[in-house]
Amino acid sequence: MGKEHNRFKRKNSDTLRMLANVSQIGVTMGASVLIGVLLGKYLDRLLDTSPWLLLIFSLLGAGAAIKSLFNIPKS
């Protein structure tokens, strides 16, 4: 019974680790795009350049999200 319990515990730990990695991808991508959108909206309102800075910073946020996807396996 002890070996079965250890095997189940290890499998459960691996599952939780993989779930944490997947949720990290979603949170990182969402946060990158959200920061770009919020910064773009703020600067558009400040400089009266609507919607150009929103578009530029949204694309930069999406680019940062994609770049962070390639950096996740290294960590």
PDB file of N, CA and C in Angstrom:
ATOM      1  N   MET A   1       0.826  -1.184   0.000  1.00  0.00           N
ATOM      2  CA  MET A   1       0.000   0.000   0.000  1.00  0.00           C
ATOM      3  C   MET A   1       0.870   1.247   0.000  1.00  0.00           C
ATOM      4  N   GLY A   2       2.027   1.218   0.611  1.00  0.00           N
ATOM      5  CA  GLY A   2       2.896   2.376   0.669  1.00  0.00           C
ATOM      6  C   GLY A   2       3.418   2.771  -0.708  1.00  0.00           C
ATOM      7  N   LYS A   3       3.760   1.762  -1.545  1.00  0.00           N
ATOM      8  CA  LYS A   3       4.263   2.050  -2.884  1.00  0.00           C
ATOM      9  C   LYS A   3       3.173   2.660  -3.765  1.00  0.00           C
ATOM     10  N   GLU A   4       1.954   2.141  -3.632  1.00  0.00           N
ATOM     11  CA  GLU A   4       0.840   2.682  -4.420  1.00  0.00           C
ATOM     12  C   GLU A   4       0.570   4.129  -4.043  1.00  0.00           C
ATOM     13  N   HIS A   5       0.616   4.418  -2.777  1.00  0.00           N
ATOM     14  CA  HIS A   5       0.362   5.781  -2.303  1.00  0.00           C
ATOM     15  C   HIS A   5       1.430   6.739  -2.813  1.00  0.00           C
ATOM     16  N   ASN A   6       2.687   6.315  -2.782  1.00  0.00           N
ATOM     17  CA  ASN A   6       3.769   7.165  -3.279  1.00  0.00           C
ATOM     18  C   ASN A   6       3.654   7.406  -4.781  1.00  0.00           C
ATOM     19  N   ARG A   7       3.275   6.380  -5.538  1.00  0.00           N
ATOM     20  CA  ARG A   7       3.123   6.522  -6.987  1.00  0.00           C
ATOM     21  C   ARG A   7       1.975   7.480  -7.305  1.00  0.00           C
ATOM     22  N   PHE A   8       0.855   7.369  -6.583  1.00  0.00           N
ATOM     23  CA  PHE A   8      -0.278   8.273  -6.787  1.00  0.00           C
ATOM     24  C   PHE A   8       0.104   9.703  -6.414  1.00  0.00           C
ATOM     25  N   LYS A   9       0.837   9.857  -5.331  1.00  0.00           N
ATOM     26  CA  LYS A   9       1.258  11.183  -4.885  1.00  0.00           C
ATOM     27  C   LYS A   9       2.189  11.821  -5.916  1.00  0.00           C
ATOM     28  N   ARG A  10       3.108  11.057  -6.485  1.00  0.00           N
ATOM     29  CA  ARG A  10       4.038  11.570  -7.493  1.00  0.00           C
ATOM     30  C   ARG A  10       3.286  11.942  -8.767  1.00  0.00           C
ATOM     31  N   LYS A  11       2.319  11.111  -9.192  1.00  0.00           N
ATOM     32  CA  LYS A  11       1.530  11.393 -10.389  1.00  0.00           C
ATOM     33  C   LYS A  11       0.694  12.652 -10.180  1.00  0.00           C
ATOM     34  N   ASN A  12       0.111  12.796  -9.016  1.00  0.00           N
ATOM     35  CA  ASN A  12      -0.682  13.965  -8.686  1.00  0.00           C
ATOM     36  C   ASN A  12       0.196  15.222  -8.685  1.00  0.00           C
ATOM     37  N   SER A  13       1.401  15.103  -8.184  1.00  0.00           N
ATOM     38  CA  SER A  13       2.333  16.226  -8.165  1.00  0.00           C
ATOM     39  C   SER A  13       2.718  16.642  -9.574  1.00  0.00           C
ATOM     40  N   ASP A  14       2.954  15.676 -10.459  1.00  0.00           N
ATOM     41  CA  ASP A  14       3.285  15.976 -11.851  1.00  0.00           C
ATOM     42  C   ASP A  14       2.118  16.667 -12.553  1.00  0.00           C
ATOM     43  N   THR A  15       0.902  16.222 -12.274  1.00  0.00           N
ATOM     44  CA  THR A  15      -0.276  16.832 -12.865  1.00  0.00           C
ATOM     45  C   THR A  15      -0.424  18.277 -12.420  1.00  0.00           C
ATOM     46  N   LEU A  16      -0.231  18.522 -11.141  1.00  0.00           N
ATOM     47  CA  LEU A  16      -0.336  19.885 -10.631  1.00  0.00           C
ATOM     48  C   LEU A  16       0.762  20.784 -11.187  1.00  0.00           C
ATOM     49  N   ARG A  17       1.947  20.242 -11.364  1.00  0.00           N
ATOM     50  CA  ARG A  17       3.047  21.021 -11.935  1.00  0.00           C
ATOM     51  C   ARG A  17       2.730  21.408 -13.382  1.00  0.00           C
ATOM     52  N   MET A  18       2.186  20.479 -14.161  1.00  0.00           N
ATOM     53  CA  MET A  18       1.825  20.782 -15.539  1.00  0.00           C
ATOM     54  C   MET A  18       0.682  21.798 -15.594  1.00  0.00           C
ATOM     55  N   LEU A  19      -0.289  21.680 -14.704  1.00  0.00           N
ATOM     56  CA  LEU A  19      -1.391  22.636 -14.639  1.00  0.00           C
ATOM     57  C   LEU A  19      -0.876  24.027 -14.282  1.00  0.00           C
ATOM     58  N   ALA A  20       0.091  24.107 -13.403  1.00  0.00           N
ATOM     59  CA  ALA A  20       0.686  25.395 -13.044  1.00  0.00           C
ATOM     60  C   ALA A  20       1.411  26.013 -14.234  1.00  0.00           C
ATOM     61  N   ASN A  21       2.114  25.212 -15.020  1.00  0.00           N
ATOM     62  CA  ASN A  21       2.795  25.726 -16.212  1.00  0.00           C
ATOM     63  C   ASN A  21       1.804  26.258 -17.237  1.00  0.00           C
ATOM     64  N   VAL A  22       0.707  25.543 -17.453  1.00  0.00           N
ATOM     65  CA  VAL A  22      -0.300  25.986 -18.416  1.00  0.00           C
ATOM     66  C   VAL A  22      -0.962  27.276 -17.946  1.00  0.00           C
ATOM     67  N   SER A  23      -1.281  27.365 -16.666  1.00  0.00           N
ATOM     68  CA  SER A  23      -1.911  28.591 -16.166  1.00  0.00           C
ATOM     69  C   SER A  23      -0.928  29.758 -16.192  1.00  0.00           C
ATOM     70  N   GLN A  24       0.352  29.496 -16.046  1.00  0.00           N
ATOM     71  CA  GLN A  24       1.355  30.557 -16.140  1.00  0.00           C
ATOM     72  C   GLN A  24       1.368  31.150 -17.541  1.00  0.00           C
ATOM     73  N   ILE A  25       1.204  30.331 -18.551  1.00  0.00           N
ATOM     74  CA  ILE A  25       1.173  30.816 -19.926  1.00  0.00           C
ATOM     75  C   ILE A  25      -0.014  31.758 -20.122  1.00  0.00           C
ATOM     76  N   GLY A  26      -1.180  31.361 -19.667  1.00  0.00           N
ATOM     77  CA  GLY A  26      -2.374  32.186 -19.824  1.00  0.00           C
ATOM     78  C   GLY A  26      -2.283  33.504 -19.087  1.00  0.00           C
ATOM     79  N   VAL A  27      -1.802  33.462 -17.866  1.00  0.00           N
ATOM     80  CA  VAL A  27      -1.687  34.685 -17.073  1.00  0.00           C
ATOM     81  C   VAL A  27      -0.648  35.618 -17.675  1.00  0.00           C
ATOM     82  N   THR A  28       0.462  35.077 -18.119  1.00  0.00           N
ATOM     83  CA  THR A  28       1.516  35.904 -18.718  1.00  0.00           C
ATOM     84  C   THR A  28       1.033  36.574 -19.994  1.00  0.00           C
ATOM     85  N   MET A  29       0.357  35.832 -20.849  1.00  0.00           N
ATOM     86  CA  MET A  29      -0.141  36.414 -22.092  1.00  0.00           C
ATOM     87  C   MET A  29      -1.206  37.470 -21.815  1.00  0.00           C
ATOM     88  N   GLY A  30      -2.137  37.167 -20.944  1.00  0.00           N
ATOM     89  CA  GLY A  30      -3.193  38.118 -20.621  1.00  0.00           C
ATOM     90  C   GLY A  30      -2.657  39.389 -19.987  1.00  0.00           C
ATOM     91  N   ALA A  31      -1.708  39.249 -19.085  1.00  0.00           N
ATOM     92  CA  ALA A  31      -1.142  40.430 -18.415  1.00  0.00           C
ATOM     93  C   ALA A  31      -0.353  41.293 -19.392  1.00  0.00           C
ATOM     94  N   SER A  32       0.383  40.682 -20.290  1.00  0.00           N
ATOM     95  CA  SER A  32       1.165  41.454 -21.262  1.00  0.00           C
ATOM     96  C   SER A  32       0.261  42.283 -22.167  1.00  0.00           C
ATOM     97  N   VAL A  33      -0.780  41.663 -22.687  1.00  0.00           N
ATOM     98  CA  VAL A  33      -1.699  42.377 -23.567  1.00  0.00           C
ATOM     99  C   VAL A  33      -2.464  43.445 -22.778  1.00  0.00           C
ATOM    100  N   LEU A  34      -2.898  43.121 -21.576  1.00  0.00           N
ATOM    101  CA  LEU A  34      -3.646  44.081 -20.764  1.00  0.00           C
ATOM    102  C   LEU A  34      -2.808  45.309 -20.424  1.00  0.00           C
ATOM    103  N   ILE A  35      -1.556  45.114 -20.082  1.00  0.00           N
ATOM    104  CA  ILE A  35      -0.678  46.248 -19.782  1.00  0.00           C
ATOM    105  C   ILE A  35      -0.495  47.108 -21.026  1.00  0.00           C
ATOM    106  N   GLY A  36      -0.325  46.493 -22.187  1.00  0.00           N
ATOM    107  CA  GLY A  36      -0.197  47.249 -23.427  1.00  0.00           C
ATOM    108  C   GLY A  36      -1.443  48.062 -23.735  1.00  0.00           C
ATOM    109  N   VAL A  37      -2.611  47.464 -23.558  1.00  0.00           N
ATOM    110  CA  VAL A  37      -3.868  48.164 -23.830  1.00  0.00           C
ATOM    111  C   VAL A  37      -4.058  49.327 -22.856  1.00  0.00           C
ATOM    112  N   LEU A  38      -3.841  49.082 -21.577  1.00  0.00           N
ATOM    113  CA  LEU A  38      -4.034  50.144 -20.589  1.00  0.00           C
ATOM    114  C   LEU A  38      -3.055  51.294 -20.796  1.00  0.00           C
ATOM    115  N   LEU A  39      -1.813  50.974 -21.097  1.00  0.00           N
ATOM    116  CA  LEU A  39      -0.823  52.017 -21.341  1.00  0.00           C
ATOM    117  C   LEU A  39      -1.173  52.806 -22.608  1.00  0.00           C
ATOM    118  N   GLY A  40      -1.615  52.123 -23.648  1.00  0.00           N
ATOM    119  CA  GLY A  40      -2.017  52.785 -24.878  1.00  0.00           C
ATOM    120  C   GLY A  40      -3.212  53.701 -24.678  1.00  0.00           C
ATOM    121  N   LYS A  41      -4.218  53.227 -23.928  1.00  0.00           N
ATOM    122  CA  LYS A  41      -5.393  54.071 -23.660  1.00  0.00           C
ATOM    123  C   LYS A  41      -5.017  55.299 -22.846  1.00  0.00           C
ATOM    124  N   TYR A  42      -4.161  55.104 -21.860  1.00  0.00           N
ATOM    125  CA  TYR A  42      -3.750  56.233 -21.022  1.00  0.00           C
ATOM    126  C   TYR A  42      -2.995  57.274 -21.845  1.00  0.00           C
ATOM    127  N   LEU A  43      -2.053  56.822 -22.653  1.00  0.00           N
ATOM    128  CA  LEU A  43      -1.285  57.761 -23.466  1.00  0.00           C
ATOM    129  C   LEU A  43      -2.148  58.419 -24.545  1.00  0.00           C
ATOM    130  N   ASP A  44      -3.116  57.686 -25.100  1.00  0.00           N
ATOM    131  CA  ASP A  44      -4.032  58.283 -26.066  1.00  0.00           C
ATOM    132  C   ASP A  44      -4.842  59.408 -25.427  1.00  0.00           C
ATOM    133  N   ARG A  45      -5.313  59.164 -24.231  1.00  0.00           N
ATOM    134  CA  ARG A  45      -6.085  60.191 -23.535  1.00  0.00           C
ATOM    135  C   ARG A  45      -5.200  61.390 -23.181  1.00  0.00           C
ATOM    136  N   LEU A  46      -3.974  61.109 -22.777  1.00  0.00           N
ATOM    137  CA  LEU A  46      -3.057  62.169 -22.369  1.00  0.00           C
ATOM    138  C   LEU A  46      -2.614  63.019 -23.562  1.00  0.00           C
ATOM    139  N   LEU A  47      -2.308  62.384 -24.685  1.00  0.00           N
ATOM    140  CA  LEU A  47      -1.760  63.082 -25.841  1.00  0.00           C
ATOM    141  C   LEU A  47      -2.791  63.355 -26.940  1.00  0.00           C
ATOM    142  N   ASP A  48      -4.032  62.904 -26.738  1.00  0.00           N
ATOM    143  CA  ASP A  48      -5.127  63.082 -27.708  1.00  0.00           C
ATOM    144  C   ASP A  48      -4.745  62.539 -29.084  1.00  0.00           C
ATOM    145  N   THR A  49      -4.296  61.298 -29.107  1.00  0.00           N
ATOM    146  CA  THR A  49      -3.880  60.652 -30.358  1.00  0.00           C
ATOM    147  C   THR A  49      -4.717  59.412 -30.658  1.00  0.00           C
ATOM    148  N   SER A  50      -5.908  59.360 -30.131  1.00  0.00           N
ATOM    149  CA  SER A  50      -6.755  58.180 -30.246  1.00  0.00           C
ATOM    150  C   SER A  50      -6.945  57.764 -31.702  1.00  0.00           C
ATOM    151  N   PRO A  51      -6.913  56.542 -32.038  1.00  0.00           N
ATOM    152  CA  PRO A  51      -6.627  55.278 -31.370  1.00  0.00           C
ATOM    153  C   PRO A  51      -5.223  54.758 -31.640  1.00  0.00           C
ATOM    154  N   TRP A  52      -4.332  55.598 -32.107  1.00  0.00           N
ATOM    155  CA  TRP A  52      -3.048  55.114 -32.611  1.00  0.00           C
ATOM    156  C   TRP A  52      -2.159  54.497 -31.546  1.00  0.00           C
ATOM    157  N   LEU A  53      -2.015  55.138 -30.413  1.00  0.00           N
ATOM    158  CA  LEU A  53      -1.141  54.565 -29.377  1.00  0.00           C
ATOM    159  C   LEU A  53      -1.748  53.301 -28.777  1.00  0.00           C
ATOM    160  N   LEU A  54      -3.080  53.250 -28.722  1.00  0.00           N
ATOM    161  CA  LEU A  54      -3.736  52.024 -28.261  1.00  0.00           C
ATOM    162  C   LEU A  54      -3.391  50.861 -29.184  1.00  0.00           C
ATOM    163  N   LEU A  55      -3.458  51.088 -30.476  1.00  0.00           N
ATOM    164  CA  LEU A  55      -3.121  50.027 -31.433  1.00  0.00           C
ATOM    165  C   LEU A  55      -1.654  49.620 -31.331  1.00  0.00           C
ATOM    166  N   ILE A  56      -0.775  50.609 -31.250  1.00  0.00           N
ATOM    167  CA  ILE A  56       0.666  50.316 -31.190  1.00  0.00           C
ATOM    168  C   ILE A  56       1.011  49.530 -29.930  1.00  0.00           C
ATOM    169  N   PHE A  57       0.517  49.997 -28.778  1.00  0.00           N
ATOM    170  CA  PHE A  57       0.861  49.311 -27.531  1.00  0.00           C
ATOM    171  C   PHE A  57       0.142  47.975 -27.383  1.00  0.00           C
ATOM    172  N   SER A  58      -1.020  47.819 -28.011  1.00  0.00           N
ATOM    173  CA  SER A  58      -1.675  46.505 -28.022  1.00  0.00           C
ATOM    174  C   SER A  58      -0.824  45.496 -28.785  1.00  0.00           C
ATOM    175  N   LEU A  59      -0.312  45.924 -29.934  1.00  0.00           N
ATOM    176  CA  LEU A  59       0.558  45.028 -30.715  1.00  0.00           C
ATOM    177  C   LEU A  59       1.865  44.738 -29.974  1.00  0.00           C
ATOM    178  N   LEU A  60       2.409  45.763 -29.305  1.00  0.00           N
ATOM    179  CA  LEU A  60       3.625  45.526 -28.517  1.00  0.00           C
ATOM    180  C   LEU A  60       3.356  44.554 -27.364  1.00  0.00           C
ATOM    181  N   GLY A  61       2.189  44.677 -26.739  1.00  0.00           N
ATOM    182  CA  GLY A  61       1.822  43.744 -25.668  1.00  0.00           C
ATOM    183  C   GLY A  61       1.669  42.323 -26.183  1.00  0.00           C
ATOM    184  N   ALA A  62       1.055  42.186 -27.364  1.00  0.00           N
ATOM    185  CA  ALA A  62       0.914  40.848 -27.961  1.00  0.00           C
ATOM    186  C   ALA A  62       2.284  40.277 -28.335  1.00  0.00           C
ATOM    187  N   GLY A  63       3.159  41.138 -28.847  1.00  0.00           N
ATOM    188  CA  GLY A  63       4.520  40.683 -29.162  1.00  0.00           C
ATOM    189  C   GLY A  63       5.283  40.258 -27.918  1.00  0.00           C
ATOM    190  N   ALA A  64       5.116  41.014 -26.844  1.00  0.00           N
ATOM    191  CA  ALA A  64       5.772  40.647 -25.589  1.00  0.00           C
ATOM    192  C   ALA A  64       5.222  39.324 -25.056  1.00  0.00           C
ATOM    193  N   ALA A  65       3.934  39.092 -25.243  1.00  0.00           N
ATOM    194  CA  ALA A  65       3.326  37.836 -24.796  1.00  0.00           C
ATOM    195  C   ALA A  65       3.899  36.653 -25.579  1.00  0.00           C
ATOM    196  N   ILE A  66       4.048  36.824 -26.881  1.00  0.00           N
ATOM    197  CA  ILE A  66       4.603  35.746 -27.709  1.00  0.00           C
ATOM    198  C   ILE A  66       6.069  35.496 -27.350  1.00  0.00           C
ATOM    199  N   LYS A  67       6.817  36.577 -27.126  1.00  0.00           N
ATOM    200  CA  LYS A  67       8.221  36.423 -26.741  1.00  0.00           C
ATOM    201  C   LYS A  67       8.341  35.701 -25.393  1.00  0.00           C
ATOM    202  N   SER A  68       7.437  36.013 -24.470  1.00  0.00           N
ATOM    203  CA  SER A  68       7.502  35.356 -23.167  1.00  0.00           C
ATOM    204  C   SER A  68       7.186  33.874 -23.268  1.00  0.00           C
ATOM    205  N   LEU A  69       6.402  33.461 -24.275  1.00  0.00           N
ATOM    206  CA  LEU A  69       6.130  32.041 -24.479  1.00  0.00           C
ATOM    207  C   LEU A  69       7.409  31.275 -24.796  1.00  0.00           C
ATOM    208  N   PHE A  70       8.300  31.909 -25.526  1.00  0.00           N
ATOM    209  CA  PHE A  70       9.547  31.237 -25.864  1.00  0.00           C
ATOM    210  C   PHE A  70      10.521  31.213 -24.693  1.00  0.00           C
ATOM    211  N   ASN A  71      10.343  32.101 -23.737  1.00  0.00           N
ATOM    212  CA  ASN A  71      11.222  32.143 -22.570  1.00  0.00           C
ATOM    213  C   ASN A  71      10.771  31.209 -21.453  1.00  0.00           C
ATOM    214  N   ILE A  72       9.518  30.779 -21.460  1.00  0.00           N
ATOM    215  CA  ILE A  72       9.005  29.933 -20.378  1.00  0.00           C
ATOM    216  C   ILE A  72       9.734  28.594 -20.295  1.00  0.00           C
ATOM    217  N   PRO A  73      10.000  27.878 -21.401  1.00  0.00           N
ATOM    218  CA  PRO A  73      10.698  26.592 -21.266  1.00  0.00           C
ATOM    219  C   PRO A  73      12.099  26.703 -20.675  1.00  0.00           C
ATOM    220  N   LYS A  74      12.732  27.860 -20.787  1.00  0.00           N
ATOM    221  CA  LYS A  74      14.068  28.030 -20.240  1.00  0.00           C
ATOM    222  C   LYS A  74      14.076  28.107 -18.724  1.00  0.00           C
ATOM    223  N   SER A  75      12.943  28.549 -18.143  1.00  0.00           N
ATOM    224  CA  SER A  75      12.897  28.691 -16.674  1.00  0.00           C
ATOM    225  C   SER A  75      12.423  27.444 -15.984  1.00  0.00           C
TER     226      SER A  75
END
